[in-house]
Each structure stands twice: as structure tokens, then as C-alpha cells.
Protein backbone atom coordinates (compact mmCIF):
# COMPACT_ATOMS: atom_id res chain seq x y z
CA MET A 1 0.00 0.00 0.00
CA LYS A 2 2.78 2.41 0.97
CA LEU A 3 4.53 1.51 -2.28
CA CYS A 4 1.42 2.34 -4.29
CA ILE A 5 0.95 5.68 -2.50
CA SER A 6 4.62 6.51 -3.08
CA ALA A 7 4.27 5.69 -6.76
CA VAL A 8 1.17 7.88 -7.09
CA LEU A 9 2.88 10.78 -5.28
CA SER A 10 5.89 10.37 -7.54
CA LEU A 11 3.72 10.55 -10.64
CA LEU A 12 1.88 13.61 -9.32
CA LEU A 13 5.14 15.38 -8.50
CA THR A 14 6.56 14.51 -11.91
CA GLY A 15 3.42 15.79 -13.59
CA THR A 16 3.56 19.01 -11.57
CA ALA A 17 7.19 19.53 -12.51
CA PHE A 18 6.31 19.01 -16.17
CA LEU A 19 3.50 21.53 -16.00
CA ASN A 20 5.79 24.07 -14.35
CA HIS A 21 8.22 23.74 -17.27
CA ALA A 22 5.58 23.77 -20.00
CA ALA A 23 5.24 26.89 -22.12
CA ASP A 24 2.58 29.31 -20.88
CA LEU A 25 2.26 30.79 -24.35
CA THR A 26 2.78 29.14 -27.74
CA LEU A 27 2.92 31.26 -30.89
CA ARG A 28 2.44 30.10 -34.49
CA PHE A 29 5.06 31.84 -36.64
CA GLY A 30 4.85 31.35 -40.41
CA THR A 31 6.75 32.35 -43.54
CA PRO A 32 7.00 31.50 -47.24
CA PHE A 33 10.81 31.53 -46.93
CA VAL A 34 12.48 28.17 -47.41
CA THR A 35 13.92 26.11 -44.56
CA ASN A 36 17.62 26.75 -43.84
CA SER A 37 17.68 30.04 -45.76
CA ASN A 38 19.21 33.05 -44.01
CA LEU A 39 15.70 34.37 -43.38
CA HIS A 40 14.54 31.08 -41.86
CA LYS A 41 17.59 31.13 -39.59
CA ALA A 42 16.50 34.59 -38.43
CA MET A 43 13.21 33.07 -37.31
CA GLU A 44 15.04 30.32 -35.46
CA LYS A 45 17.17 32.94 -33.70
CA PHE A 46 14.04 34.86 -32.77
CA ALA A 47 12.47 31.73 -31.26
CA GLU A 48 15.70 30.88 -29.43
CA VAL A 49 16.00 34.32 -27.81
CA VAL A 50 12.33 34.35 -26.83
CA ALA A 51 12.57 30.90 -25.23
CA LYS A 52 15.77 31.75 -23.37
CA GLU A 53 14.73 35.14 -22.03
CA SER A 54 11.24 33.94 -21.07
CA GLU A 55 12.80 30.91 -19.34
CA GLY A 56 10.73 28.61 -21.52
CA LYS A 57 7.42 30.28 -20.78
CA ILE A 58 6.98 31.40 -24.38
CA LYS A 59 7.42 28.91 -27.22
CA VAL A 60 7.56 29.98 -30.86
CA GLN A 61 6.59 27.29 -33.37
CA ILE A 62 8.10 28.00 -36.79
CA TYR A 63 6.39 27.02 -40.04
CA ALA A 64 8.59 27.68 -43.09
CA ASP A 65 8.01 26.86 -46.78
CA SER A 66 4.41 28.17 -46.70
CA GLN A 67 3.45 25.24 -44.44
CA ILE A 68 0.56 27.17 -42.92
CA GLY A 69 -0.06 29.44 -45.89
CA ASP A 70 1.44 31.63 -48.57
CA ILE A 71 1.80 35.39 -48.13
CA GLN A 72 -1.89 36.21 -48.52
CA GLN A 73 -2.99 33.30 -46.34
CA LEU A 74 -0.55 34.22 -43.57
CA ILE A 75 -1.78 37.82 -43.55
CA ALA A 76 -5.42 36.69 -43.56
CA GLY A 77 -4.59 34.24 -40.76
CA MET A 78 -3.20 37.04 -38.61
CA GLN A 79 -6.35 39.06 -39.21
CA LEU A 80 -8.50 36.08 -38.19
CA GLY A 81 -6.26 35.11 -35.28
CA THR A 82 -5.35 31.66 -36.63
CA VAL A 83 -1.75 32.76 -37.23
CA ASP A 84 0.08 34.74 -34.56
CA MET A 85 3.18 35.98 -36.36
CA ALA A 86 4.78 35.99 -39.80
CA TYR A 87 8.11 36.93 -41.38
CA LEU A 88 7.48 38.67 -44.71
CA GLY A 89 8.59 41.58 -46.83
CA VAL A 90 7.63 45.05 -45.60
CA GLY A 91 5.35 45.81 -48.53
CA ASN A 92 3.43 42.53 -48.37
CA SER A 93 0.86 44.22 -46.15
CA GLY A 94 0.21 46.88 -48.81
CA GLN A 95 -2.68 44.83 -50.20
CA LEU A 96 -4.72 45.33 -47.02
CA LYS A 97 -7.34 48.00 -46.46
CA GLY A 98 -5.72 50.99 -44.82
CA CYS A 99 -2.21 49.71 -45.57
CA GLY A 100 -1.97 50.88 -49.18
CA PRO A 101 0.78 53.45 -48.53
CA LEU A 102 3.16 50.59 -47.68
CA ASN A 103 3.15 49.69 -51.38
CA VAL A 104 5.58 52.55 -51.76
CA SER A 105 8.37 50.38 -50.33
CA TYR A 106 8.32 48.37 -53.57
CA LEU A 107 8.51 51.36 -55.89
CA PRO A 108 11.44 50.73 -58.28
CA TYR A 109 14.59 52.60 -57.34
CA LEU A 110 12.96 54.25 -54.30
CA PHE A 111 16.07 53.60 -52.19
CA LYS A 112 19.55 54.18 -53.52
CA SER A 113 21.27 51.52 -51.38
CA LYS A 114 20.74 48.81 -48.77
CA LYS A 115 21.73 51.26 -46.04
CA ALA A 116 19.23 53.82 -47.29
CA ALA A 117 16.51 51.15 -47.27
CA GLU A 118 17.36 50.04 -43.73
CA ASP A 119 17.33 53.61 -42.43
CA GLY A 120 14.17 54.53 -44.31
CA LEU A 121 12.13 51.44 -43.45
CA ASN A 122 13.03 51.89 -39.78
CA GLY A 123 12.57 55.66 -39.86
CA PRO A 124 9.67 57.87 -38.71
CA ILE A 125 7.89 58.04 -42.07
CA PHE A 126 7.44 54.27 -42.24
CA GLN A 127 6.78 53.88 -38.51
CA GLU A 128 3.73 56.06 -39.02
CA LEU A 129 2.59 53.85 -41.90
CA TYR A 130 3.04 50.66 -39.82
CA GLU A 131 0.88 52.09 -37.04
CA GLN A 132 -1.79 53.14 -39.52
CA CYS A 133 -1.82 49.61 -40.97
CA ALA A 134 -2.12 48.00 -37.54
CA GLN A 135 -5.10 50.15 -36.63
CA SER A 136 -6.85 49.69 -39.99
CA ALA A 137 -6.17 46.07 -40.89
CA GLY A 138 -5.37 44.32 -37.62
CA VAL A 139 -1.87 43.31 -38.72
CA ARG A 140 1.14 44.99 -37.12
CA ILE A 141 4.75 45.23 -38.27
CA PHE A 142 6.53 45.35 -34.92
CA ALA A 143 10.10 45.11 -36.22
CA VAL A 144 11.88 45.56 -39.54
CA ALA A 145 15.01 43.44 -39.34
CA GLY A 146 16.88 41.36 -41.89
CA ASP A 147 18.31 42.75 -45.13
CA ARG A 148 17.13 41.23 -48.38
CA SER A 149 19.28 40.83 -51.47
CA PRO A 150 18.66 43.50 -54.13
CA ARG A 151 16.05 42.23 -56.58
CA ALA A 152 17.24 41.00 -59.96
CA ILE A 153 15.50 39.80 -63.10
CA VAL A 154 16.21 36.10 -63.61
CA THR A 155 14.92 34.48 -66.79
CA THR A 156 15.05 31.43 -69.04
CA LYS A 157 15.36 33.76 -72.04
CA GLY A 158 17.97 36.45 -72.34
CA PRO A 159 20.16 38.19 -71.64
CA ILE A 160 18.02 41.08 -70.36
CA LEU A 161 20.09 44.19 -71.00
CA LYS A 162 17.41 46.86 -71.40
CA PRO A 163 13.70 47.28 -70.59
CA GLU A 164 12.65 46.41 -74.15
CA ASP A 165 14.10 42.91 -73.69
CA LEU A 166 11.30 42.14 -71.24
CA ASN A 167 8.50 42.84 -73.70
CA GLY A 168 6.26 39.78 -74.08
CA LEU A 169 7.94 37.66 -71.40
CA ARG A 170 5.77 35.80 -68.90
CA MET A 171 7.09 36.41 -65.42
CA ARG A 172 6.13 35.36 -61.93
CA ILE A 173 5.72 38.62 -60.05
CA PRO A 174 4.69 38.94 -56.38
CA PRO A 175 0.90 39.36 -56.04
CA ILE A 176 1.25 43.04 -55.20
CA PRO A 177 -0.29 45.74 -57.42
CA ILE A 178 2.77 47.96 -57.63
CA PHE A 179 4.94 45.03 -58.79
CA ARG A 180 2.33 44.15 -61.39
CA ASP A 181 2.17 47.74 -62.66
CA THR A 182 5.96 48.00 -62.70
CA PHE A 183 6.44 45.00 -64.95
CA GLU A 184 3.39 45.55 -67.12
CA ALA A 185 4.83 49.00 -67.88
CA VAL A 186 7.63 47.28 -69.83
CA GLY A 187 5.42 44.73 -71.57
CA VAL A 188 5.68 41.77 -69.19
CA LYS A 189 2.78 39.33 -68.97
CA VAL A 190 2.41 38.93 -65.21
CA VAL A 191 1.71 35.44 -63.85
CA PRO A 192 0.75 35.28 -60.14
CA LEU A 193 2.29 32.24 -58.44
CA GLY A 194 3.31 31.31 -54.92
CA LEU A 195 7.05 31.02 -54.35
CA ASN A 196 6.79 27.26 -53.93
CA GLU A 197 5.22 26.98 -57.41
CA VAL A 198 7.87 28.93 -59.30
CA TYR A 199 10.56 26.24 -59.77
CA MET A 200 8.18 23.85 -61.51
CA ALA A 201 6.66 26.64 -63.60
CA LEU A 202 10.13 27.70 -64.79
CA SER A 203 11.19 24.14 -65.57
CA ARG A 204 8.00 23.50 -67.58
CA GLY A 205 8.16 26.78 -69.48
CA GLN A 206 4.94 28.07 -67.95
CA VAL A 207 6.79 31.26 -67.00
CA ASP A 208 9.95 32.79 -68.43
CA GLY A 209 11.32 34.35 -65.28
CA GLN A 210 10.95 35.89 -61.84
CA ASP A 211 12.46 38.79 -59.91
CA ASN A 212 14.30 37.90 -56.74
CA GLY A 213 17.83 38.38 -55.49
CA PHE A 214 20.40 35.88 -54.28
CA ASP A 215 18.54 35.14 -51.05
CA LEU A 216 15.40 33.62 -52.55
CA THR A 217 16.68 32.62 -55.99
CA LEU A 218 19.46 30.46 -54.53
CA SER A 219 17.49 29.09 -51.58
CA PHE A 220 14.61 28.04 -53.88
CA ARG A 221 17.15 26.90 -56.53
CA PHE A 222 15.51 28.92 -59.32
CA HIS A 223 18.96 29.37 -60.90
CA GLU A 224 18.95 25.67 -61.79
CA VAL A 225 16.16 26.26 -64.32
CA SER A 226 16.71 29.89 -65.38
CA LYS A 227 20.13 30.75 -66.76
CA PHE A 228 20.00 34.51 -67.39
CA TRP A 229 20.59 36.90 -64.50
CA SER A 230 20.18 40.64 -64.95
CA ALA A 231 21.37 42.57 -61.88
CA THR A 232 18.87 45.41 -62.11
CA ASP A 233 18.90 46.10 -58.34
CA HIS A 234 15.47 47.67 -58.88
CA CYS A 235 14.29 47.15 -55.32
CA TYR A 236 16.03 47.12 -51.94
CA ASP A 237 13.78 45.40 -49.44
CA MET A 238 13.89 44.19 -45.86
CA ALA A 239 12.13 41.40 -44.03
CA ALA A 240 9.67 42.36 -41.32
CA PHE A 241 8.25 40.69 -38.23
CA TYR A 242 4.45 40.79 -38.37
CA VAL A 243 2.00 40.03 -35.59
CA SER A 244 -1.77 39.75 -35.29
CA GLU A 245 -2.92 43.01 -33.71
CA ARG A 246 -5.45 41.19 -31.55
CA LYS A 247 -2.64 38.97 -30.24
CA TRP A 248 -0.30 41.95 -29.77
CA LYS A 249 -2.85 43.60 -27.50
CA THR A 250 -2.74 40.58 -25.16
CA PHE A 251 1.02 40.85 -24.60
CA THR A 252 2.47 42.63 -21.59
CA PRO A 253 4.89 45.54 -22.13
CA GLU A 254 7.72 43.21 -21.06
CA GLN A 255 6.71 40.61 -23.65
CA LYS A 256 6.51 43.22 -26.40
CA ALA A 257 9.98 44.47 -25.50
CA LEU A 258 11.28 40.88 -25.55
CA PHE A 259 9.83 40.25 -29.01
CA LYS A 260 11.47 43.41 -30.34
CA ARG A 261 14.84 42.41 -28.88
CA ALA A 262 14.53 38.92 -30.31
CA ALA A 263 13.56 40.32 -33.71
CA ALA A 264 16.63 42.56 -33.71
CA GLU A 265 18.84 39.54 -32.96
CA GLY A 266 17.18 37.47 -35.67
CA GLY A 267 17.44 40.27 -38.20
CA LYS A 268 21.10 40.81 -37.40
CA LEU A 269 21.82 37.15 -38.13
CA ALA A 270 19.80 37.23 -41.37
CA THR A 271 21.76 40.28 -42.52
CA GLN A 272 25.13 38.69 -41.72
CA LEU A 273 24.24 35.48 -43.54
CA GLY A 274 22.70 37.44 -46.39
CA GLU A 275 25.87 39.47 -46.89
CA GLU A 276 27.86 36.23 -47.10
CA LEU A 277 25.34 34.89 -49.60
CA ASP A 278 25.55 38.01 -51.75
CA LYS A 279 29.36 37.80 -51.63
CA HIS A 280 29.47 34.18 -52.78
CA GLY A 281 26.29 34.20 -54.86
CA LEU A 282 28.05 35.07 -58.09
CA GLU A 283 30.30 32.03 -57.69
CA GLU A 284 27.21 29.84 -57.29
CA LEU A 285 25.70 31.28 -60.45
CA LYS A 286 28.88 30.65 -62.43
CA LYS A 287 28.99 27.03 -61.21
CA ALA A 288 25.41 26.60 -62.42
CA GLY A 289 26.22 28.09 -65.82
CA VAL A 290 24.16 31.24 -65.32
CA ASN A 291 24.85 34.21 -67.61
CA TYR A 292 25.27 37.20 -65.23
CA VAL A 293 25.02 40.75 -66.59
CA VAL A 294 24.72 44.25 -65.18
CA PRO A 295 22.17 45.97 -67.44
CA ASP A 296 21.59 49.63 -68.18
CA ARG A 297 20.03 50.48 -64.80
CA ALA A 298 19.47 54.10 -65.80
CA ALA A 299 17.30 52.88 -68.69
CA PHE A 300 15.22 50.75 -66.31
CA ALA A 301 14.87 53.65 -63.88
CA LYS A 302 13.66 55.85 -66.74
CA ALA A 303 11.20 53.21 -67.97
CA TRP A 304 9.71 52.97 -64.48
CA ALA A 305 9.92 56.65 -63.56
CA ASN A 306 6.16 57.22 -63.86
CA VAL A 307 4.89 54.11 -62.06
CA TYR A 308 4.35 56.12 -58.88
CA LYS A 309 1.84 58.41 -60.63
CA ASN A 310 -0.82 55.67 -60.51
CA TYR A 311 -0.55 55.73 -56.70
CA GLU A 312 0.27 59.32 -55.77
CA GLY A 313 -2.70 60.93 -54.05
CA LYS A 314 -4.73 57.73 -54.41
CA VAL A 315 -3.00 54.85 -52.65
CA TRP A 316 -0.56 57.00 -50.71
CA PRO A 317 -0.51 60.72 -49.87
CA ASP A 318 0.81 63.31 -52.30
CA GLY A 319 4.49 63.94 -51.74
CA LEU A 320 5.25 60.67 -49.91
CA VAL A 321 7.83 59.51 -52.47
CA GLN A 322 9.57 62.88 -52.37
CA ARG A 323 9.67 62.81 -48.56
CA ILE A 324 11.24 59.34 -48.53
CA LYS A 325 13.85 60.26 -51.12
CA ALA A 326 14.65 63.57 -49.42
CA ALA A 327 15.27 61.77 -46.12
CA GLN A 328 18.02 59.59 -47.63
CA LYS A 329 21.55 60.65 -46.84
């Protein structure tokens, strides 16, 4: 009898200890970025810092490769509360009601360098836009951290040396209006596809190209099936940590501060790994037999100079583009 009581007490104590060490809060954190990419590693770093500093009370479950949804589905999930957090591009929220001004981040040649993009996207002009988006759409960007590779035009037909070379090509373009307008302005037939659909579409000839830099092109292996790389550098972007606004409101000030610290650590790692990738990316392209060219960027900038006019005073306030450019050092 004593043995049985001892066994029961032991089980109860063990169960209590387990409960004490279980996470009090579990967060679903999704992304379309591929596993083991520099951006996925940023998410892992974020989860690691959160777990360590919360002493295991907060657990972040990571879902890469669009496991719980593509970009639109992740954003919708955060609005509905079925997804807690996501790691996406800054302008991905521009499709939401009240978030239209964030489309400006994808305007071609808005930023003159990576540093200018980092400063601008973390500066007061964009902070105001993030807050507006959170209040209007229920999705908050709480940290912008993690440099992206400059966007390039990567095709199965080429080389692409000038805007006219794109006329008639079918390209996978992100499902964002300003990207669509940008490429349609030079005669591209835009094909909306999720990132995880692009490789097969390229290999089957369903599309002729896509526009991503070293980070996504190499991690998704698009360079295996598209052998012409045009380094247009038409967009400098950064990754952003998104959160459901309804979930954000449940966090304590200490938890919010922790998430921002963890995001900064994750973004720092993504940037370091991304810089290494950019440095060695050209070698990878050469090994794969990719034809790498630097096109006439001034010609592309001229071809896209009027894209903003479709948005000025309609999607974003008059003078926003000028303010952003004037703030760059």
C-alpha cells in the first residue's frame, strides 16, 4: 500500500514539474521563406532568444516553406487570429485595407542603397505607416530586421540588357499591385504564383522568369532552371516581423519588448548570412552556368519613372515619395 501511495505521489510530482516547465504561451510563426535560408535562420534565432529570455514560458513554433499558408494566407490568418506571427517583406501588407501606402516600399529605385533602405524602413515616415496599418487592418509590423538581397530579373530567355528585352515575357511577379504595374509598364505578362510553385513553372516553361535576389533565388534553386541573371537592383527590401494586432494587445509591455529584442537579434543574423550569400552568390551562379550581366540600370529607372503616378494621391498621400527620397543621406 505504501509503495502504491509513493508511486502515485511520484507521478503527481513529476506531472507538476512538467507543468511548471511547459510553455505558458505558444505562438504560431509562419513564412513563405524556405527552410535553412538566411531568413529562416533569423526566425530560429528569434524563437531561441524568446525561449531563453522567457525561461521557456513562451514557445515559438516555426512554419517555413508556406506550411501554414502563402503570403496572402498568412496575412489573412493574422487578421483572423489563426496565425500569430509571420516573417514577410515590408510591402506585403500593402494589399490590405488601410495599408496601401506601404506599397511605396516596392517602388522601383525608391532607395539608392541597402543602407538607405534600412534607415528609411526603420525611420519615422514608415513607422507612421506601420501604425496606420495595424489600426486599420489588424496586422502589425513590430520590427523591420533582416536585409534582403537586391532584386534581380532572372529568366530562361535572355540576356536582359534593357527594358525592351522584357516585352512579351511571362514572369512570376509577387501578387502586389505595384509590382504588377511596374512590370506591365515594360510589356511583361504577369503570372501570379506562390514562391513554392515557381521552380516547376520555370522548368516546364509556364513562365519565363521571376524577380528575386540571391537570397530567394538560390534558396529556392531557381537558378537551376533559369540561366539569365540581370542585376537590375530595382528594389532594396527588408524582411519584417508581423503580428496579429489582436494577439499583440494581449502581450504585456515586457513581452513586447522581448519580441522586439529577439527580432533585432534574428534580423542581425539574417543580414550577416545574407551578406555572405551576396558575396558568394556570383560564384554559385557561375557554377550553375548562369549568364550574369549588369544591365543599363538608368534605362530601367527611366522606364519605371512614372509608375508612382498611378498611386500618388490615391494609394498614398501626395508627396510621400519625395519625402522618402529627401530623407536619404
